[in-house]
Amino acid sequence: MQVLISGEPEELSPGITVGDYLKSQDINPRSVAVEINLAIIPRDSYDTTVIHEGDKIEVVMFMGGG
C-alpha cells in the first residue's frame, strides 16, 4: 500500500501499525511524535493504530542539545 511519510512516498505492507513501522525503521517510539492525516497519535496507541492506504504521516524526532 502507498503512503506518504514525511513527504516521501513509501510502500508499506497492509495492516502495519505505527508501532510496527517505527520498529522496522529502528526508531525509539519514546523519541518521536507521530501525526497521521493532521491528527497526533497518542504514544500509547502506536501498537494499535493501523496505517491505511493514502495516509499522510509525519514522524517528528525530538533532538537534545544546547
C-alpha atoms as a PDB file:
ATOM      1  CA  MET A   1       0.000   0.000   0.000  1.00  0.00           C
ATOM      2  CA  GLN A   2       1.200   3.501  -0.814  1.00  0.00           C
ATOM      3  CA  VAL A   3       1.518   6.220   1.881  1.00  0.00           C
ATOM      4  CA  LEU A   4       3.430   9.479   2.316  1.00  0.00           C
ATOM      5  CA  ILE A   5       5.900   9.570   5.200  1.00  0.00           C
ATOM      6  CA  SER A   6       7.450  12.956   5.907  1.00  0.00           C
ATOM      7  CA  GLY A   7       6.528  13.988   2.368  1.00  0.00           C
ATOM      8  CA  GLU A   8       8.124  10.957   0.681  1.00  0.00           C
ATOM      9  CA  PRO A   9       6.131   8.141  -0.958  1.00  0.00           C
ATOM     10  CA  GLU A  10       6.670   4.805   0.708  1.00  0.00           C
ATOM     11  CA  GLU A  11       5.288   1.314   0.138  1.00  0.00           C
ATOM     12  CA  LEU A  12       4.130  -0.457   3.325  1.00  0.00           C
ATOM     13  CA  SER A  13       2.516  -3.822   3.994  1.00  0.00           C
ATOM     14  CA  PRO A  14      -1.255  -3.745   4.567  1.00  0.00           C
ATOM     15  CA  GLY A  15      -2.220  -3.913   8.247  1.00  0.00           C
ATOM     16  CA  ILE A  16       1.036  -2.403   9.552  1.00  0.00           C
ATOM     17  CA  THR A  17       0.685  -0.370  12.725  1.00  0.00           C
ATOM     18  CA  VAL A  18       2.544   2.785  13.688  1.00  0.00           C
ATOM     19  CA  GLY A  19       4.491   0.744  16.246  1.00  0.00           C
ATOM     20  CA  ASP A  20       5.445  -1.850  13.612  1.00  0.00           C
ATOM     21  CA  TYR A  21       6.637   0.885  11.251  1.00  0.00           C
ATOM     22  CA  LEU A  22       8.751   2.563  13.932  1.00  0.00           C
ATOM     23  CA  LYS A  23      10.341  -0.785  14.856  1.00  0.00           C
ATOM     24  CA  SER A  24      11.111  -1.524  11.202  1.00  0.00           C
ATOM     25  CA  GLN A  25      12.979   1.791  10.993  1.00  0.00           C
ATOM     26  CA  ASP A  26      14.810   1.296  14.336  1.00  0.00           C
ATOM     27  CA  ILE A  27      13.074   4.372  15.743  1.00  0.00           C
ATOM     28  CA  ASN A  28      12.578   4.562  19.501  1.00  0.00           C
ATOM     29  CA  PRO A  29       8.857   5.358  19.949  1.00  0.00           C
ATOM     30  CA  ARG A  30       9.656   7.465  23.021  1.00  0.00           C
ATOM     31  CA  SER A  31      11.796   9.833  20.949  1.00  0.00           C
ATOM     32  CA  VAL A  32       9.202  10.770  18.308  1.00  0.00           C
ATOM     33  CA  ALA A  33       5.770  12.237  17.783  1.00  0.00           C
ATOM     34  CA  VAL A  34       3.622  10.750  15.014  1.00  0.00           C
ATOM     35  CA  GLU A  35       0.880  12.519  13.094  1.00  0.00           C
ATOM     36  CA  ILE A  36      -1.442  10.816  10.610  1.00  0.00           C
ATOM     37  CA  ASN A  37      -3.609  12.994   8.367  1.00  0.00           C
ATOM     38  CA  LEU A  38      -3.054  16.016  10.662  1.00  0.00           C
ATOM     39  CA  ALA A  39      -4.068  14.108  13.835  1.00  0.00           C
ATOM     40  CA  ILE A  40      -1.437  13.475  16.522  1.00  0.00           C
ATOM     41  CA  ILE A  41      -1.394   9.818  17.548  1.00  0.00           C
ATOM     42  CA  PRO A  42      -1.082   9.205  21.303  1.00  0.00           C
ATOM     43  CA  ARG A  43       2.097   7.282  22.071  1.00  0.00           C
ATOM     44  CA  ASP A  44       0.173   4.561  23.909  1.00  0.00           C
ATOM     45  CA  SER A  45      -1.815   3.912  20.692  1.00  0.00           C
ATOM     46  CA  TYR A  46       1.151   3.295  18.367  1.00  0.00           C
ATOM     47  CA  ASP A  47       0.793  -0.507  18.567  1.00  0.00           C
ATOM     48  CA  THR A  48      -2.947  -0.422  17.797  1.00  0.00           C
ATOM     49  CA  THR A  49      -3.108   2.381  15.205  1.00  0.00           C
ATOM     50  CA  VAL A  50      -3.214   0.806  11.738  1.00  0.00           C
ATOM     51  CA  ILE A  51      -1.797   2.754   8.791  1.00  0.00           C
ATOM     52  CA  HIS A  52      -4.102   2.875   5.749  1.00  0.00           C
ATOM     53  CA  GLU A  53      -3.624   3.349   2.006  1.00  0.00           C
ATOM     54  CA  GLY A  54      -3.067   7.025   1.177  1.00  0.00           C
ATOM     55  CA  ASP A  55      -2.318   8.151   4.743  1.00  0.00           C
ATOM     56  CA  LYS A  56      -0.082  11.187   5.161  1.00  0.00           C
ATOM     57  CA  ILE A  57       2.277  10.533   8.056  1.00  0.00           C
ATOM     58  CA  GLU A  58       4.742  12.838   9.778  1.00  0.00           C
ATOM     59  CA  VAL A  59       7.336  11.419  12.164  1.00  0.00           C
ATOM     60  CA  VAL A  60       8.961  14.166  14.226  1.00  0.00           C
ATOM     61  CA  MET A  61      12.103  13.274  16.173  1.00  0.00           C
ATOM     62  CA  PHE A  62      12.989  15.086  19.367  1.00  0.00           C
ATOM     63  CA  MET A  63      16.535  16.420  19.450  1.00  0.00           C
ATOM     64  CA  GLY A  64      18.524  17.368  22.513  1.00  0.00           C
ATOM     65  CA  GLY A  65      21.290  19.865  22.649  1.00  0.00           C
ATOM     66  CA  GLY A  66      22.307  23.117  23.995  1.00  0.00           C
END
